N, C-alpha and C. Protein backbone atom coordinates (compact mmCIF):
# COMPACT_ATOMS: atom_id res chain seq x y z
N MET A 1 46.60 194.30 18.69
CA MET A 1 46.61 192.95 19.19
C MET A 1 45.70 192.08 18.35
N ALA A 2 46.09 190.88 18.14
CA ALA A 2 45.29 189.94 17.37
C ALA A 2 44.52 189.03 18.31
N ASP A 3 43.30 188.71 17.92
CA ASP A 3 42.51 187.76 18.68
C ASP A 3 42.72 186.38 18.09
N ILE A 4 42.84 185.37 18.94
CA ILE A 4 42.98 183.99 18.48
C ILE A 4 41.74 183.26 18.93
N LEU A 5 41.08 182.64 17.98
CA LEU A 5 39.88 181.86 18.27
C LEU A 5 40.22 180.40 18.04
N THR A 6 39.91 179.56 19.01
CA THR A 6 40.14 178.14 18.83
C THR A 6 38.81 177.41 18.91
N HIS A 7 38.61 176.50 18.00
CA HIS A 7 37.42 175.67 17.97
C HIS A 7 37.85 174.25 17.71
N PRO A 8 37.50 173.30 18.59
CA PRO A 8 37.85 171.92 18.30
C PRO A 8 37.12 171.48 17.05
N THR A 9 37.84 170.86 16.13
CA THR A 9 37.20 170.41 14.91
C THR A 9 37.49 168.94 14.69
N SER A 10 36.60 168.31 14.00
CA SER A 10 36.78 166.91 13.66
C SER A 10 36.11 166.67 12.33
N MET A 11 36.81 166.05 11.43
CA MET A 11 36.24 165.73 10.12
C MET A 11 35.47 164.43 10.25
N PRO A 12 34.27 164.38 9.68
CA PRO A 12 33.52 163.12 9.71
C PRO A 12 34.29 162.03 8.97
N ARG A 13 34.28 160.83 9.52
CA ARG A 13 34.98 159.71 8.90
C ARG A 13 34.05 159.01 7.92
N PRO A 14 34.63 158.48 6.86
CA PRO A 14 33.80 157.71 5.93
C PRO A 14 33.13 156.56 6.66
N GLY A 15 31.94 156.24 6.22
CA GLY A 15 31.22 155.13 6.82
C GLY A 15 30.29 155.58 7.94
N LEU A 16 30.28 156.87 8.26
CA LEU A 16 29.37 157.34 9.31
C LEU A 16 27.96 157.54 8.77
N GLY A 17 27.81 157.44 7.50
CA GLY A 17 26.50 157.64 6.90
C GLY A 17 26.63 158.63 5.76
N SER A 18 25.82 158.44 4.76
CA SER A 18 25.91 159.33 3.61
C SER A 18 25.12 160.61 3.83
N ASP A 19 24.25 160.62 4.79
CA ASP A 19 23.45 161.80 5.06
C ASP A 19 24.33 162.91 5.64
N ARG A 20 24.26 164.08 5.06
CA ARG A 20 25.10 165.21 5.49
C ARG A 20 24.85 165.58 6.95
N SER A 21 23.60 165.58 7.39
CA SER A 21 23.30 165.96 8.78
C SER A 21 23.83 164.91 9.76
N THR A 22 23.81 163.64 9.39
CA THR A 22 24.35 162.60 10.25
C THR A 22 25.85 162.78 10.42
N ALA A 23 26.54 163.06 9.33
CA ALA A 23 27.98 163.30 9.38
C ALA A 23 28.29 164.55 10.20
N LEU A 24 27.49 165.59 10.03
CA LEU A 24 27.70 166.82 10.79
C LEU A 24 27.49 166.58 12.28
N GLN A 25 26.45 165.84 12.64
CA GLN A 25 26.19 165.54 14.05
C GLN A 25 27.31 164.70 14.64
N ALA A 26 27.82 163.75 13.88
CA ALA A 26 28.91 162.91 14.37
C ALA A 26 30.16 163.75 14.57
N GLY A 27 30.42 164.67 13.66
CA GLY A 27 31.58 165.56 13.79
C GLY A 27 31.45 166.48 14.98
N GLN A 28 30.24 167.00 15.22
CA GLN A 28 30.01 167.88 16.38
C GLN A 28 30.15 167.11 17.68
N ALA A 29 29.67 165.88 17.73
CA ALA A 29 29.80 165.08 18.94
C ALA A 29 31.27 164.80 19.24
N ALA A 30 32.04 164.49 18.21
CA ALA A 30 33.47 164.24 18.40
C ALA A 30 34.18 165.51 18.83
N ALA A 31 33.80 166.64 18.25
CA ALA A 31 34.44 167.91 18.59
C ALA A 31 34.15 168.30 20.03
N ALA A 32 32.95 167.98 20.51
CA ALA A 32 32.59 168.35 21.88
C ALA A 32 33.44 167.61 22.91
N SER A 33 33.95 166.43 22.54
CA SER A 33 34.73 165.65 23.49
C SER A 33 36.23 165.96 23.41
N LEU A 34 36.65 166.77 22.45
CA LEU A 34 38.07 167.09 22.29
C LEU A 34 38.48 168.25 23.16
N LYS A 35 39.76 168.27 23.50
CA LYS A 35 40.34 169.40 24.21
C LYS A 35 41.26 170.13 23.25
N ASN A 36 41.27 171.44 23.34
CA ASN A 36 42.27 172.23 22.64
C ASN A 36 43.51 172.21 23.52
N VAL A 37 44.67 172.07 22.92
CA VAL A 37 45.92 172.05 23.69
C VAL A 37 46.91 173.02 23.06
N LEU A 38 47.43 173.93 23.86
CA LEU A 38 48.50 174.83 23.44
C LEU A 38 49.64 174.59 24.42
N SER A 39 50.74 174.01 23.92
CA SER A 39 51.82 173.56 24.78
C SER A 39 52.77 174.68 25.19
N SER A 40 53.81 174.31 25.92
CA SER A 40 54.71 175.29 26.53
C SER A 40 55.53 176.08 25.52
N ASP A 41 55.60 175.65 24.27
CA ASP A 41 56.37 176.39 23.27
C ASP A 41 55.53 177.48 22.58
N VAL A 42 54.29 177.69 23.04
CA VAL A 42 53.40 178.68 22.44
C VAL A 42 53.54 180.02 23.15
N LEU A 43 53.66 181.09 22.34
CA LEU A 43 53.70 182.46 22.85
C LEU A 43 52.59 183.23 22.15
N VAL A 44 51.64 183.76 22.92
CA VAL A 44 50.51 184.49 22.36
C VAL A 44 50.56 185.92 22.87
N SER A 45 50.48 186.86 21.94
CA SER A 45 50.36 188.27 22.28
C SER A 45 49.05 188.74 21.68
N GLY A 46 48.03 188.82 22.52
CA GLY A 46 46.69 189.17 22.06
C GLY A 46 45.66 188.45 22.89
N ASN A 47 44.42 188.48 22.44
CA ASN A 47 43.32 187.88 23.18
C ASN A 47 43.07 186.47 22.69
N LEU A 48 42.72 185.58 23.62
CA LEU A 48 42.46 184.18 23.32
C LEU A 48 41.02 183.87 23.68
N LYS A 49 40.25 183.43 22.66
CA LYS A 49 38.85 183.06 22.88
C LYS A 49 38.67 181.65 22.35
N PHE A 50 37.93 180.83 23.09
CA PHE A 50 37.73 179.46 22.65
C PHE A 50 36.42 178.91 23.19
N THR A 51 36.03 177.76 22.65
CA THR A 51 34.86 177.03 23.15
C THR A 51 35.35 175.69 23.67
N GLY A 52 34.57 175.08 24.52
CA GLY A 52 34.94 173.77 25.05
C GLY A 52 36.02 173.88 26.12
N GLU A 53 37.02 173.01 26.01
CA GLU A 53 38.09 172.96 27.00
C GLU A 53 39.41 173.35 26.35
N LEU A 54 40.26 174.03 27.12
CA LEU A 54 41.59 174.37 26.64
C LEU A 54 42.60 174.07 27.74
N VAL A 55 43.67 173.37 27.36
CA VAL A 55 44.82 173.18 28.22
C VAL A 55 45.89 174.10 27.66
N PHE A 56 46.30 175.09 28.46
CA PHE A 56 47.27 176.09 28.01
C PHE A 56 48.50 176.03 28.91
N ASP A 57 49.66 175.81 28.30
CA ASP A 57 50.89 175.69 29.07
C ASP A 57 51.95 176.67 28.57
N GLY A 58 51.55 177.62 27.74
CA GLY A 58 52.50 178.57 27.17
C GLY A 58 52.47 179.92 27.87
N LYS A 59 52.91 180.94 27.11
CA LYS A 59 52.94 182.31 27.62
C LYS A 59 51.90 183.13 26.88
N LEU A 60 51.18 183.98 27.62
CA LEU A 60 50.15 184.82 27.01
C LEU A 60 50.21 186.22 27.59
N GLN A 61 50.23 187.20 26.70
CA GLN A 61 50.13 188.62 27.08
C GLN A 61 48.81 189.07 26.48
N GLY A 62 47.74 189.07 27.28
CA GLY A 62 46.42 189.43 26.77
C GLY A 62 45.33 188.81 27.63
N GLU A 63 44.13 188.80 27.08
CA GLU A 63 42.96 188.31 27.80
C GLU A 63 42.59 186.90 27.34
N ILE A 64 42.00 186.12 28.24
CA ILE A 64 41.43 184.82 27.89
C ILE A 64 39.95 184.86 28.26
N SER A 65 39.09 184.48 27.31
CA SER A 65 37.66 184.43 27.62
C SER A 65 37.02 183.23 26.95
N THR A 66 36.13 182.58 27.70
CA THR A 66 35.43 181.40 27.21
C THR A 66 34.20 181.12 28.06
N ASP A 67 33.28 180.39 27.48
CA ASP A 67 32.17 179.84 28.25
C ASP A 67 32.49 178.41 28.67
N GLY A 68 33.70 177.97 28.39
CA GLY A 68 34.13 176.62 28.70
C GLY A 68 35.10 176.57 29.87
N SER A 69 35.97 175.57 29.83
CA SER A 69 36.91 175.31 30.93
C SER A 69 38.34 175.60 30.48
N LEU A 70 39.11 176.21 31.36
CA LEU A 70 40.51 176.50 31.10
C LEU A 70 41.35 175.79 32.14
N SER A 71 42.38 175.09 31.67
CA SER A 71 43.34 174.45 32.56
C SER A 71 44.72 174.96 32.19
N LEU A 72 45.37 175.62 33.14
CA LEU A 72 46.71 176.15 32.91
C LEU A 72 47.75 175.16 33.39
N GLY A 73 48.80 174.97 32.60
CA GLY A 73 49.87 174.05 32.96
C GLY A 73 50.90 174.72 33.85
N GLU A 74 51.83 173.93 34.37
CA GLU A 74 52.85 174.42 35.28
C GLU A 74 53.77 175.45 34.63
N ASN A 75 53.93 175.41 33.31
CA ASN A 75 54.78 176.35 32.60
C ASN A 75 54.05 177.60 32.15
N ALA A 76 52.75 177.67 32.38
CA ALA A 76 51.95 178.79 31.90
C ALA A 76 52.36 180.09 32.58
N GLU A 77 52.43 181.15 31.78
CA GLU A 77 52.66 182.50 32.27
C GLU A 77 51.62 183.40 31.61
N ILE A 78 50.70 183.91 32.42
CA ILE A 78 49.60 184.72 31.92
C ILE A 78 49.73 186.13 32.47
N ASN A 79 49.75 187.11 31.57
CA ASN A 79 49.71 188.52 31.96
C ASN A 79 48.44 189.10 31.35
N GLY A 80 47.35 188.99 32.07
CA GLY A 80 46.05 189.46 31.58
C GLY A 80 44.94 188.81 32.36
N ASN A 81 43.73 189.25 32.09
CA ASN A 81 42.56 188.76 32.81
C ASN A 81 42.02 187.49 32.17
N ILE A 82 41.37 186.67 33.02
CA ILE A 82 40.78 185.41 32.57
C ILE A 82 39.30 185.42 32.96
N ALA A 83 38.43 185.07 32.01
CA ALA A 83 37.01 184.91 32.27
C ALA A 83 36.58 183.57 31.67
N ALA A 84 36.07 182.66 32.51
CA ALA A 84 35.70 181.31 32.05
C ALA A 84 34.61 180.75 32.95
N THR A 85 34.09 179.59 32.56
CA THR A 85 33.14 178.90 33.43
C THR A 85 33.88 178.26 34.60
N SER A 86 35.01 177.60 34.29
CA SER A 86 35.83 177.03 35.36
C SER A 86 37.29 177.15 34.97
N VAL A 87 38.16 177.30 35.99
CA VAL A 87 39.59 177.49 35.76
C VAL A 87 40.37 176.62 36.74
N VAL A 88 41.35 175.88 36.20
CA VAL A 88 42.33 175.19 37.02
C VAL A 88 43.63 175.93 36.77
N ALA A 89 44.14 176.59 37.82
CA ALA A 89 45.28 177.48 37.66
C ALA A 89 46.57 176.83 38.14
N ARG A 90 47.58 176.90 37.30
CA ARG A 90 48.94 176.51 37.62
C ARG A 90 49.84 177.56 36.98
N GLY A 91 51.12 177.53 37.29
CA GLY A 91 52.04 178.47 36.67
C GLY A 91 52.03 179.82 37.35
N LYS A 92 52.22 180.89 36.54
CA LYS A 92 52.27 182.25 37.08
C LYS A 92 51.24 183.10 36.35
N ILE A 93 50.35 183.72 37.14
CA ILE A 93 49.26 184.53 36.59
C ILE A 93 49.31 185.91 37.21
N THR A 94 49.29 186.93 36.35
CA THR A 94 49.18 188.30 36.82
C THR A 94 47.94 188.88 36.15
N GLY A 95 46.86 188.97 36.92
CA GLY A 95 45.59 189.46 36.38
C GLY A 95 44.42 188.89 37.16
N THR A 96 43.25 189.37 36.83
CA THR A 96 42.02 188.95 37.51
C THR A 96 41.48 187.67 36.88
N ILE A 97 41.02 186.75 37.73
CA ILE A 97 40.35 185.54 37.25
C ILE A 97 38.89 185.58 37.71
N VAL A 98 37.97 185.47 36.76
CA VAL A 98 36.54 185.41 37.07
C VAL A 98 36.01 184.12 36.48
N ALA A 99 35.39 183.29 37.32
CA ALA A 99 34.80 182.03 36.86
C ALA A 99 33.34 181.97 37.28
N LYS A 100 32.48 181.58 36.37
CA LYS A 100 31.06 181.44 36.68
C LYS A 100 30.83 180.33 37.70
N ASP A 101 31.66 179.29 37.63
CA ASP A 101 31.47 178.15 38.52
C ASP A 101 32.61 178.02 39.54
N LYS A 102 33.78 177.57 39.12
CA LYS A 102 34.80 177.17 40.08
C LYS A 102 36.20 177.57 39.63
N ILE A 103 37.03 177.95 40.61
CA ILE A 103 38.45 178.18 40.39
C ILE A 103 39.21 177.23 41.31
N GLU A 104 40.15 176.48 40.73
CA GLU A 104 41.05 175.63 41.51
C GLU A 104 42.46 176.18 41.32
N ILE A 105 43.12 176.51 42.42
CA ILE A 105 44.50 177.00 42.34
C ILE A 105 45.39 175.91 42.92
N LYS A 106 46.21 175.35 42.05
CA LYS A 106 47.04 174.20 42.41
C LYS A 106 48.34 174.64 43.09
N ALA A 107 48.96 173.71 43.82
CA ALA A 107 50.21 173.97 44.55
C ALA A 107 51.26 174.57 43.62
N LYS A 108 52.09 175.44 44.15
CA LYS A 108 53.19 176.12 43.46
C LYS A 108 52.74 177.22 42.50
N THR A 109 51.44 177.45 42.38
CA THR A 109 50.94 178.53 41.52
C THR A 109 51.26 179.87 42.15
N GLU A 110 51.61 180.84 41.31
CA GLU A 110 51.81 182.22 41.74
C GLU A 110 50.73 183.06 41.08
N LEU A 111 49.84 183.62 41.90
CA LEU A 111 48.72 184.40 41.39
C LEU A 111 48.76 185.79 42.00
N PHE A 112 48.89 186.80 41.14
CA PHE A 112 48.93 188.19 41.57
C PHE A 112 47.75 188.89 40.90
N GLY A 113 46.62 188.91 41.61
CA GLY A 113 45.41 189.51 41.07
C GLY A 113 44.20 189.02 41.84
N ASP A 114 43.07 189.61 41.56
CA ASP A 114 41.84 189.29 42.25
C ASP A 114 41.17 188.07 41.61
N ILE A 115 40.38 187.37 42.43
CA ILE A 115 39.62 186.23 41.92
C ILE A 115 38.16 186.35 42.37
N ARG A 116 37.26 185.86 41.50
CA ARG A 116 35.83 185.87 41.81
C ARG A 116 35.21 184.61 41.21
N ALA A 117 34.52 183.84 42.05
CA ALA A 117 33.89 182.60 41.59
C ALA A 117 32.82 182.16 42.58
N ALA A 118 32.01 181.20 42.15
CA ALA A 118 31.02 180.62 43.05
C ALA A 118 31.68 179.63 44.00
N LYS A 119 32.73 178.93 43.53
CA LYS A 119 33.45 177.96 44.35
C LYS A 119 34.95 178.18 44.18
N LEU A 120 35.70 177.91 45.25
CA LEU A 120 37.15 178.12 45.22
C LEU A 120 37.86 177.01 45.97
N VAL A 121 38.94 176.48 45.34
CA VAL A 121 39.80 175.50 45.98
C VAL A 121 41.23 176.02 45.86
N ILE A 122 41.93 176.15 47.00
CA ILE A 122 43.32 176.59 46.99
C ILE A 122 44.15 175.53 47.70
N GLU A 123 45.11 174.97 46.98
CA GLU A 123 45.97 173.96 47.58
C GLU A 123 47.08 174.62 48.39
N GLU A 124 47.68 173.84 49.27
CA GLU A 124 48.81 174.31 50.07
C GLU A 124 49.98 174.61 49.14
N GLY A 125 50.72 175.67 49.44
CA GLY A 125 51.90 176.02 48.67
C GLY A 125 51.65 177.05 47.58
N VAL A 126 50.47 177.64 47.57
CA VAL A 126 50.12 178.67 46.57
C VAL A 126 50.58 180.03 47.06
N THR A 127 51.08 180.86 46.15
CA THR A 127 51.33 182.27 46.43
C THR A 127 50.17 183.03 45.82
N PHE A 128 49.38 183.71 46.66
CA PHE A 128 48.21 184.47 46.19
C PHE A 128 48.24 185.85 46.82
N VAL A 129 48.34 186.87 45.97
CA VAL A 129 48.32 188.25 46.42
C VAL A 129 47.17 188.93 45.68
N GLY A 130 46.10 189.21 46.40
CA GLY A 130 44.94 189.82 45.77
C GLY A 130 43.71 189.68 46.65
N LYS A 131 42.58 190.07 46.10
CA LYS A 131 41.31 189.97 46.82
C LYS A 131 40.53 188.78 46.27
N CYS A 132 39.69 188.25 47.13
CA CYS A 132 38.94 187.04 46.79
C CYS A 132 37.46 187.28 47.07
N ASP A 133 36.60 186.93 46.11
CA ASP A 133 35.16 187.04 46.27
C ASP A 133 34.55 185.69 45.89
N VAL A 134 34.15 184.91 46.91
CA VAL A 134 33.54 183.61 46.68
C VAL A 134 32.12 183.67 47.19
N ASN A 135 31.16 183.43 46.31
CA ASN A 135 29.77 183.61 46.67
C ASN A 135 28.93 182.55 45.96
N PRO A 136 28.86 181.33 46.53
CA PRO A 136 28.15 180.24 45.84
C PRO A 136 26.65 180.45 45.71
N ASN A 137 26.05 181.18 46.61
CA ASN A 137 24.60 181.36 46.59
C ASN A 137 24.18 182.74 46.11
N ASN A 138 25.14 183.51 45.58
CA ASN A 138 24.87 184.88 45.15
C ASN A 138 24.18 185.70 46.23
N ALA A 139 24.60 185.48 47.46
CA ALA A 139 24.01 186.19 48.59
C ALA A 139 24.48 187.64 48.59
N GLY A 140 23.63 188.51 49.07
CA GLY A 140 23.97 189.92 49.17
C GLY A 140 24.16 190.31 50.61
N PRO A 141 24.69 191.50 50.85
CA PRO A 141 24.86 191.96 52.22
C PRO A 141 23.51 192.23 52.87
N LEU A 142 23.50 192.21 54.20
CA LEU A 142 22.27 192.54 54.92
C LEU A 142 21.92 193.99 54.67
N PRO A 143 20.62 194.30 54.62
CA PRO A 143 20.23 195.69 54.40
C PRO A 143 20.68 196.56 55.57
N LYS A 144 21.08 197.80 55.27
CA LYS A 144 21.52 198.72 56.31
C LYS A 144 20.31 199.32 57.01
N ALA A 145 20.52 199.73 58.26
CA ALA A 145 19.46 200.38 59.03
C ALA A 145 19.14 201.74 58.40
N ALA A 146 17.97 202.25 58.71
CA ALA A 146 17.53 203.52 58.12
C ALA A 146 18.52 204.64 58.41
N SER A 147 19.09 204.65 59.58
CA SER A 147 20.11 205.65 59.87
C SER A 147 21.24 204.97 60.64
N GLU A 148 22.38 205.58 60.66
CA GLU A 148 23.54 205.00 61.34
C GLU A 148 23.28 204.82 62.83
N ASN A 149 22.49 205.70 63.44
CA ASN A 149 22.23 205.66 64.87
C ASN A 149 20.97 204.88 65.23
N ALA A 150 20.33 204.29 64.26
CA ALA A 150 19.08 203.58 64.54
C ALA A 150 19.35 202.34 65.37
N ASP A 151 18.43 202.06 66.28
CA ASP A 151 18.52 200.87 67.12
C ASP A 151 18.06 199.67 66.30
N PRO A 152 18.92 198.68 66.04
CA PRO A 152 18.54 197.56 65.17
C PRO A 152 17.35 196.76 65.69
N LEU A 153 17.11 196.76 67.01
CA LEU A 153 15.98 196.02 67.57
C LEU A 153 14.75 196.90 67.73
N GLY A 154 14.88 198.16 67.43
CA GLY A 154 13.75 199.07 67.54
C GLY A 154 13.41 199.45 68.97
N LEU A 155 14.33 199.30 69.92
CA LEU A 155 14.09 199.63 71.31
C LEU A 155 14.56 201.05 71.59
N GLU A 156 13.99 201.63 72.62
CA GLU A 156 14.44 202.94 73.05
C GLU A 156 15.78 202.80 73.75
N ASP A 157 16.33 203.91 74.18
CA ASP A 157 17.58 203.92 74.93
C ASP A 157 17.41 203.07 76.19
N PRO A 158 18.22 202.01 76.42
CA PRO A 158 18.02 201.12 77.56
C PRO A 158 18.20 201.83 78.90
N VAL A 159 19.05 202.86 78.96
CA VAL A 159 19.25 203.58 80.22
C VAL A 159 17.96 204.29 80.60
N ARG A 160 17.30 204.91 79.65
CA ARG A 160 16.06 205.63 79.94
C ARG A 160 14.96 204.65 80.34
N LEU A 161 14.99 203.43 79.77
CA LEU A 161 13.98 202.45 80.16
C LEU A 161 14.15 202.05 81.61
N LEU A 162 15.38 201.94 82.11
CA LEU A 162 15.61 201.56 83.51
C LEU A 162 15.22 202.68 84.46
N GLU A 163 15.30 203.93 84.03
CA GLU A 163 14.97 205.05 84.91
C GLU A 163 13.49 205.19 85.12
N ARG A 164 12.68 204.62 84.31
CA ARG A 164 11.23 204.77 84.43
C ARG A 164 10.67 204.02 85.55
């Protein structure tokens, strides 16, 4: 499988300054505001890695990973896992979605797989078959008692207390 790396690029325009670092900074600022777009005629077989934002409306057989944002279009068909900071899901997804921040699942989306995020929004009309783990505060389960039969309040048997 081939990995595809996408990086938004922008060539500095003449007149931005003759200083190389000024031109580089201007190009980086412009690149940060751009979105990568892969339309519905794109077919990817392999892993997709990118920075910034990506709007993907094609077909993918493989993994998607980014520290940025992923927005799937209505025509998107994903067979693989997704790991991103935030995901807006549309189309048909078969695989696990893990987002550091938020997952939004839009109406008419078909999702067959588990999801894990700090925040979750699911619109009406979604087909979702899988497990969901939403934990905005990274809370853990309560600690278990020392033994299965331990009295959680530390009291003796209440029947024996009444007999005294």
